[in-house]
PDB file of N, CA and C in Angstrom:
ATOM      1  N   UNK A   1      76.674 109.137  91.345  1.00  0.00           N
ATOM      2  CA  UNK A   1      76.372 108.248  92.410  1.00  0.00           C
ATOM      3  C   UNK A   1      77.602 107.394  92.651  1.00  0.00           C
ATOM      4  N   UNK A   2      78.212 106.711  91.571  1.00  0.00           N
ATOM      5  CA  UNK A   2      79.478 106.041  91.613  1.00  0.00           C
ATOM      6  C   UNK A   2      80.659 106.931  92.096  1.00  0.00           C
ATOM      7  N   UNK A   3      80.755 108.151  91.434  1.00  0.00           N
ATOM      8  CA  UNK A   3      81.651 108.906  92.081  1.00  0.00           C
ATOM      9  C   UNK A   3      81.606 109.355  93.381  1.00  0.00           C
ATOM     10  N   UNK A   4      80.461 109.582  94.021  1.00  0.00           N
ATOM     11  CA  UNK A   4      80.188 109.696  95.402  1.00  0.00           C
ATOM     12  C   UNK A   4      80.677 108.532  96.057  1.00  0.00           C
ATOM     13  N   UNK A   5      80.384 107.312  95.691  1.00  0.00           N
ATOM     14  CA  UNK A   5      80.865 106.219  96.519  1.00  0.00           C
ATOM     15  C   UNK A   5      82.465 105.961  96.512  1.00  0.00           C
ATOM     16  N   UNK A   6      83.081 106.435  95.412  1.00  0.00           N
ATOM     17  CA  UNK A   6      84.423 106.224  95.505  1.00  0.00           C
ATOM     18  C   UNK A   6      85.191 107.447  96.396  1.00  0.00           C
ATOM     19  N   UNK A   7      84.478 108.619  96.370  1.00  0.00           N
ATOM     20  CA  UNK A   7      84.942 109.747  97.330  1.00  0.00           C
ATOM     21  C   UNK A   7      84.832 109.240  98.725  1.00  0.00           C
ATOM     22  N   UNK A   8      83.981 108.789  99.012  1.00  0.00           N
ATOM     23  CA  UNK A   8      83.538 107.991 100.495  1.00  0.00           C
ATOM     24  C   UNK A   8      84.639 107.041 100.696  1.00  0.00           C
ATOM     25  N   UNK A   9      84.873 106.201  99.871  1.00  0.00           N
ATOM     26  CA  UNK A   9      85.725 105.047  99.854  1.00  0.00           C
ATOM     27  C   UNK A   9      87.167 105.690 100.081  1.00  0.00           C
ATOM     28  N   UNK A  10      87.421 106.872  99.400  1.00  0.00           N
ATOM     29  CA  UNK A  10      88.876 107.305  99.444  1.00  0.00           C
ATOM     30  C   UNK A  10      89.100 107.948 101.132  1.00  0.00           C
ATOM     31  N   UNK A  11      87.735 108.763 101.357  1.00  0.00           N
ATOM     32  CA  UNK A  11      87.967 109.193 102.691  1.00  0.00           C
ATOM     33  C   UNK A  11      87.970 108.206 104.040  1.00  0.00           C
ATOM     34  N   UNK A  12      87.181 107.094 103.902  1.00  0.00           N
ATOM     35  CA  UNK A  12      87.386 106.004 104.579  1.00  0.00           C
ATOM     36  C   UNK A  12      88.777 105.509 104.769  1.00  0.00           C
ATOM     37  N   UNK A  13      89.252 105.485 103.676  1.00  0.00           N
ATOM     38  CA  UNK A  13      90.897 105.036 103.451  1.00  0.00           C
ATOM     39  C   UNK A  13      91.870 105.867 104.188  1.00  0.00           C
ATOM     40  N   UNK A  14      91.453 107.045 103.992  1.00  0.00           N
ATOM     41  CA  UNK A  14      92.297 108.050 104.593  1.00  0.00           C
ATOM     42  C   UNK A  14      92.100 108.105 106.112  1.00  0.00           C
ATOM     43  N   UNK A  15      91.049 107.881 106.560  1.00  0.00           N
ATOM     44  CA  UNK A  15      90.861 107.795 108.105  1.00  0.00           C
ATOM     45  C   UNK A  15      91.400 106.576 108.777  1.00  0.00           C
ATOM     46  N   UNK A  16      91.557 105.432 107.980  1.00  0.00           N
ATOM     47  CA  UNK A  16      92.046 104.161 108.290  1.00  0.00           C
ATOM     48  C   UNK A  16      93.537 104.694 108.476  1.00  0.00           C
ATOM     49  N   UNK A  17      94.178 105.234 107.524  1.00  0.00           N
ATOM     50  CA  UNK A  17      95.378 105.561 107.505  1.00  0.00           C
ATOM     51  C   UNK A  17      95.793 106.415 108.636  1.00  0.00           C
ATOM     52  N   UNK A  18      95.051 107.366 109.067  1.00  0.00           N
ATOM     53  CA  UNK A  18      95.546 108.424 110.026  1.00  0.00           C
ATOM     54  C   UNK A  18      95.161 107.533 111.518  1.00  0.00           C
ATOM     55  N   UNK A  19      94.179 106.786 111.528  1.00  0.00           N
ATOM     56  CA  UNK A  19      93.900 106.207 112.816  1.00  0.00           C
ATOM     57  C   UNK A  19      95.109 105.132 113.142  1.00  0.00           C
ATOM     58  N   UNK A  20      95.378 104.297 112.020  1.00  0.00           N
ATOM     59  CA  UNK A  20      96.527 103.312 112.061  1.00  0.00           C
ATOM     60  C   UNK A  20      97.828 103.925 112.367  1.00  0.00           C
ATOM     61  N   UNK A  21      98.193 104.822 111.792  1.00  0.00           N
ATOM     62  CA  UNK A  21      99.527 105.452 112.019  1.00  0.00           C
ATOM     63  C   UNK A  21      99.600 106.156 113.283  1.00  0.00           C
ATOM     64  N   UNK A  22      98.340 106.996 113.840  1.00  0.00           N
ATOM     65  CA  UNK A  22      98.388 107.648 115.176  1.00  0.00           C
ATOM     66  C   UNK A  22      98.506 106.646 116.243  1.00  0.00           C
ATOM     67  N   UNK A  23      97.800 105.385 115.989  1.00  0.00           N
ATOM     68  CA  UNK A  23      98.043 104.180 117.134  1.00  0.00           C
ATOM     69  C   UNK A  23      99.506 103.556 117.010  1.00  0.00           C
ATOM     70  N   UNK A  24     100.013 103.385 115.810  1.00  0.00           N
ATOM     71  CA  UNK A  24     101.342 103.055 115.613  1.00  0.00           C
ATOM     72  C   UNK A  24     102.398 104.017 116.330  1.00  0.00           C
ATOM     73  N   UNK A  25     102.272 105.242 116.098  1.00  0.00           N
ATOM     74  CA  UNK A  25     103.211 106.120 116.652  1.00  0.00           C
ATOM     75  C   UNK A  25     103.087 106.199 118.094  1.00  0.00           C
ATOM     76  N   UNK A  26     101.674 106.334 118.787  1.00  0.00           N
ATOM     77  CA  UNK A  26     101.605 106.338 120.264  1.00  0.00           C
ATOM     78  C   UNK A  26     102.140 105.068 120.850  1.00  0.00           C
ATOM     79  N   UNK A  27     101.855 103.790 120.195  1.00  0.00           N
ATOM     80  CA  UNK A  27     102.490 102.580 120.746  1.00  0.00           C
ATOM     81  C   UNK A  27     104.014 102.516 120.699  1.00  0.00           C
ATOM     82  N   UNK A  28     104.598 103.138 119.721  1.00  0.00           N
ATOM     83  CA  UNK A  28     106.032 103.271 119.564  1.00  0.00           C
ATOM     84  C   UNK A  28     106.769 104.115 120.809  1.00  0.00           C
ATOM     85  N   UNK A  29     105.914 105.091 120.961  1.00  0.00           N
ATOM     86  CA  UNK A  29     106.299 105.930 121.989  1.00  0.00           C
ATOM     87  C   UNK A  29     106.312 105.460 123.359  1.00  0.00           C
ATOM     88  N   UNK A  30     105.038 104.589 123.463  1.00  0.00           N
ATOM     89  CA  UNK A  30     104.787 103.847 124.810  1.00  0.00           C
ATOM     90  C   UNK A  30     103.552 104.337 125.533  1.00  0.00           C
ATOM     91  N   UNK A  31     102.842 105.308 124.980  1.00  0.00           N
ATOM     92  CA  UNK A  31     101.705 105.784 125.498  1.00  0.00           C
ATOM     93  C   UNK A  31     100.438 104.805 125.360  1.00  0.00           C
ATOM     94  N   UNK A  32     100.429 103.864 124.519  1.00  0.00           N
ATOM     95  CA  UNK A  32      99.486 102.872 124.335  1.00  0.00           C
ATOM     96  C   UNK A  32     100.137 101.521 124.182  1.00  0.00           C
ATOM     97  N   UNK A  33      99.515 100.384 125.069  1.00  0.00           N
ATOM     98  CA  UNK A  33     100.207  99.121 125.141  1.00  0.00           C
ATOM     99  C   UNK A  33      99.705  98.306 123.761  1.00  0.00           C
ATOM    100  N   UNK A  34     100.404  98.216 122.736  1.00  0.00           N
ATOM    101  CA  UNK A  34      99.979  97.445 121.674  1.00  0.00           C
ATOM    102  C   UNK A  34      99.672  95.983 121.791  1.00  0.00           C
ATOM    103  N   UNK A  35     100.160  95.267 122.881  1.00  0.00           N
ATOM    104  CA  UNK A  35      99.643  93.916 123.185  1.00  0.00           C
ATOM    105  C   UNK A  35      98.139  93.828 123.374  1.00  0.00           C
ATOM    106  N   UNK A  36      97.501  95.092 123.534  1.00  0.00           N
ATOM    107  CA  UNK A  36      96.047  94.743 123.520  1.00  0.00           C
ATOM    108  C   UNK A  36      95.357  94.285 122.316  1.00  0.00           C
ATOM    109  N   UNK A  37      96.094  94.723 121.204  1.00  0.00           N
ATOM    110  CA  UNK A  37      95.588  94.440 119.832  1.00  0.00           C
ATOM    111  C   UNK A  37      96.140  93.142 119.288  1.00  0.00           C
ATOM    112  N   UNK A  38      96.977  92.406 120.233  1.00  0.00           N
ATOM    113  CA  UNK A  38      97.327  91.154 119.671  1.00  0.00           C
ATOM    114  C   UNK A  38      96.602  89.933 120.044  1.00  0.00           C
ATOM    115  N   UNK A  39      96.490  89.124 118.938  1.00  0.00           N
ATOM    116  CA  UNK A  39      95.663  87.867 119.099  1.00  0.00           C
ATOM    117  C   UNK A  39      96.358  86.646 118.440  1.00  0.00           C
ATOM    118  N   UNK A  40      96.284  85.332 118.822  1.00  0.00           N
ATOM    119  CA  UNK A  40      96.928  84.337 118.214  1.00  0.00           C
ATOM    120  C   UNK A  40      98.279  84.549 118.198  1.00  0.00           C
ATOM    121  N   UNK A  41      99.014  84.182 117.216  1.00  0.00           N
ATOM    122  CA  UNK A  41     100.476  84.299 117.186  1.00  0.00           C
ATOM    123  C   UNK A  41     100.778  85.708 116.608  1.00  0.00           C
ATOM    124  N   UNK A  42      99.779  86.663 116.184  1.00  0.00           N
ATOM    125  CA  UNK A  42     100.037  87.736 115.618  1.00  0.00           C
ATOM    126  C   UNK A  42     100.395  88.834 116.639  1.00  0.00           C
ATOM    127  N   UNK A  43     101.324  89.922 116.360  1.00  0.00           N
ATOM    128  CA  UNK A  43     101.780  90.953 117.211  1.00  0.00           C
ATOM    129  C   UNK A  43     100.798  91.853 117.051  1.00  0.00           C
ATOM    130  N   UNK A  44     100.647  92.923 118.058  1.00  0.00           N
ATOM    131  CA  UNK A  44      99.795  94.129 118.148  1.00  0.00           C
ATOM    132  C   UNK A  44     100.218  95.044 117.032  1.00  0.00           C
ATOM    133  N   UNK A  45     101.511  95.046 116.892  1.00  0.00           N
ATOM    134  CA  UNK A  45     101.914  96.018 115.885  1.00  0.00           C
ATOM    135  C   UNK A  45     101.553  95.606 114.566  1.00  0.00           C
ATOM    136  N   UNK A  46     101.648  94.279 114.427  1.00  0.00           N
ATOM    137  CA  UNK A  46     101.102  93.909 112.919  1.00  0.00           C
ATOM    138  C   UNK A  46      99.806  94.332 112.662  1.00  0.00           C
ATOM    139  N   UNK A  47      98.826  93.889 113.762  1.00  0.00           N
ATOM    140  CA  UNK A  47      97.501  94.041 113.477  1.00  0.00           C
ATOM    141  C   UNK A  47      97.211  95.522 113.187  1.00  0.00           C
ATOM    142  N   UNK A  48      97.695  96.584 113.992  1.00  0.00           N
ATOM    143  CA  UNK A  48      97.495  97.712 113.727  1.00  0.00           C
ATOM    144  C   UNK A  48      98.108  98.315 112.539  1.00  0.00           C
ATOM    145  N   UNK A  49      99.140  97.777 111.965  1.00  0.00           N
ATOM    146  CA  UNK A  49      99.749  98.143 110.789  1.00  0.00           C
ATOM    147  C   UNK A  49      98.843  97.688 109.607  1.00  0.00           C
ATOM    148  N   UNK A  50      98.317  96.580 109.663  1.00  0.00           N
ATOM    149  CA  UNK A  50      97.194  96.245 108.798  1.00  0.00           C
ATOM    150  C   UNK A  50      96.018  97.237 108.370  1.00  0.00           C
ATOM    151  N   UNK A  51      95.693  97.674 109.601  1.00  0.00           N
ATOM    152  CA  UNK A  51      94.613  98.938 109.298  1.00  0.00           C
ATOM    153  C   UNK A  51      95.300  99.965 108.485  1.00  0.00           C
ATOM    154  N   UNK A  52      96.553 100.401 108.693  1.00  0.00           N
ATOM    155  CA  UNK A  52      97.081 101.584 107.860  1.00  0.00           C
ATOM    156  C   UNK A  52      97.148 100.842 106.538  1.00  0.00           C
ATOM    157  N   UNK A  53      97.514  99.879 106.293  1.00  0.00           N
ATOM    158  CA  UNK A  53      97.720  99.088 104.815  1.00  0.00           C
ATOM    159  C   UNK A  53      96.295  99.071 104.315  1.00  0.00           C
ATOM    160  N   UNK A  54      95.340  98.825 104.939  1.00  0.00           N
ATOM    161  CA  UNK A  54      94.139  98.493 104.506  1.00  0.00           C
ATOM    162  C   UNK A  54      93.485  99.886 103.948  1.00  0.00           C
ATOM    163  N   UNK A  55      93.937 100.906 104.772  1.00  0.00           N
ATOM    164  CA  UNK A  55      93.494 102.176 104.475  1.00  0.00           C
ATOM    165  C   UNK A  55      94.275 102.710 103.071  1.00  0.00           C
ATOM    166  N   UNK A  56      95.420 102.439 103.105  1.00  0.00           N
ATOM    167  CA  UNK A  56      96.231 102.720 101.870  1.00  0.00           C
ATOM    168  C   UNK A  56      95.615 102.010 100.426  1.00  0.00           C
ATOM    169  N   UNK A  57      95.200 100.529 100.651  1.00  0.00           N
ATOM    170  CA  UNK A  57      94.525 100.006  99.428  1.00  0.00           C
ATOM    171  C   UNK A  57      93.387 100.535  99.203  1.00  0.00           C
ATOM    172  N   UNK A  58      92.535 100.916 100.066  1.00  0.00           N
ATOM    173  CA  UNK A  58      91.396 101.486  99.834  1.00  0.00           C
ATOM    174  C   UNK A  58      91.395 102.617  99.016  1.00  0.00           C
ATOM    175  N   UNK A  59      92.245 103.734  99.405  1.00  0.00           N
ATOM    176  CA  UNK A  59      92.537 104.841  98.968  1.00  0.00           C
ATOM    177  C   UNK A  59      93.098 104.601  97.509  1.00  0.00           C
ATOM    178  N   UNK A  60      93.845 103.840  97.357  1.00  0.00           N
ATOM    179  CA  UNK A  60      94.438 103.717  96.002  1.00  0.00           C
ATOM    180  C   UNK A  60      93.515 102.973  95.072  1.00  0.00           C
ATOM    181  N   UNK A  61      92.423 102.084  95.429  1.00  0.00           N
ATOM    182  CA  UNK A  61      91.419 101.664  94.615  1.00  0.00           C
ATOM    183  C   UNK A  61      90.524 102.736  94.257  1.00  0.00           C
ATOM    184  N   UNK A  62      90.285 103.660  95.025  1.00  0.00           N
ATOM    185  CA  UNK A  62      89.029 104.592  94.934  1.00  0.00           C
ATOM    186  C   UNK A  62      89.825 105.644  94.103  1.00  0.00           C
ATOM    187  N   UNK A  63      91.125 106.122  94.263  1.00  0.00           N
ATOM    188  CA  UNK A  63      91.813 106.894  93.416  1.00  0.00           C
ATOM    189  C   UNK A  63      91.837 106.511  91.761  1.00  0.00           C
ATOM    190  N   UNK A  64      92.211 105.182  91.689  1.00  0.00           N
ATOM    191  CA  UNK A  64      92.273 104.724  90.463  1.00  0.00           C
ATOM    192  C   UNK A  64      90.822 104.549  89.785  1.00  0.00           C
ATOM    193  N   UNK A  65      89.783 104.240  90.301  1.00  0.00           N
ATOM    194  CA  UNK A  65      88.442 104.323  89.932  1.00  0.00           C
ATOM    195  C   UNK A  65      88.080 105.654  89.726  1.00  0.00           C
ATOM    196  N   UNK A  66      88.407 106.473  90.333  1.00  0.00           N
ATOM    197  CA  UNK A  66      87.993 108.057  90.080  1.00  0.00           C
ATOM    198  C   UNK A  66      88.851 108.405  88.930  1.00  0.00           C
ATOM    199  N   UNK A  67      90.234 108.171  88.574  1.00  0.00           N
ATOM    200  CA  UNK A  67      90.700 108.489  87.655  1.00  0.00           C
ATOM    201  C   UNK A  67      90.241 108.037  86.429  1.00  0.00           C
ATOM    202  N   UNK A  68      89.985 106.618  86.329  1.00  0.00           N
ATOM    203  CA  UNK A  68      89.403 105.769  85.214  1.00  0.00           C
ATOM    204  C   UNK A  68      88.261 106.485  84.796  1.00  0.00           C
ATOM    205  N   UNK A  69      87.163 106.830  85.709  1.00  0.00           N
ATOM    206  CA  UNK A  69      86.013 107.285  85.551  1.00  0.00           C
ATOM    207  C   UNK A  69      86.200 108.600  84.744  1.00  0.00           C
ATOM    208  N   UNK A  70      86.866 109.739  85.243  1.00  0.00           N
ATOM    209  CA  UNK A  70      87.069 110.670  84.568  1.00  0.00           C
ATOM    210  C   UNK A  70      87.840 110.808  83.150  1.00  0.00           C
ATOM    211  N   UNK A  71      88.718 109.711  83.083  1.00  0.00           N
ATOM    212  CA  UNK A  71      89.606 109.805  81.845  1.00  0.00           C
ATOM    213  C   UNK A  71      88.579 109.203  80.729  1.00  0.00           C
ATOM    214  N   UNK A  72      87.668 108.364  81.122  1.00  0.00           N
ATOM    215  CA  UNK A  72      86.597 107.807  80.149  1.00  0.00           C
ATOM    216  C   UNK A  72      85.546 108.976  79.683  1.00  0.00           C
ATOM    217  N   UNK A  73      85.231 109.711  80.513  1.00  0.00           N
ATOM    218  CA  UNK A  73      84.377 110.859  79.951  1.00  0.00           C
ATOM    219  C   UNK A  73      84.768 112.009  79.436  1.00  0.00           C
TER     220      UNK A  73
END
């Protein structure tokens, strides 16, 4: 059960990475206006980049937990 949760967490993290990277690439090319994602004093690039970084952190935590669980058994 715990392994399944970590696998889903890893897939969600990879999804965040793909979506964040795709939006950043499209924004840098000019196909998407990144100002739509801006709020307060934070630029739109920073907000979308945070999505990709969150995906990286989720995947890293899930991979560590999966490796720790497999090494323990």
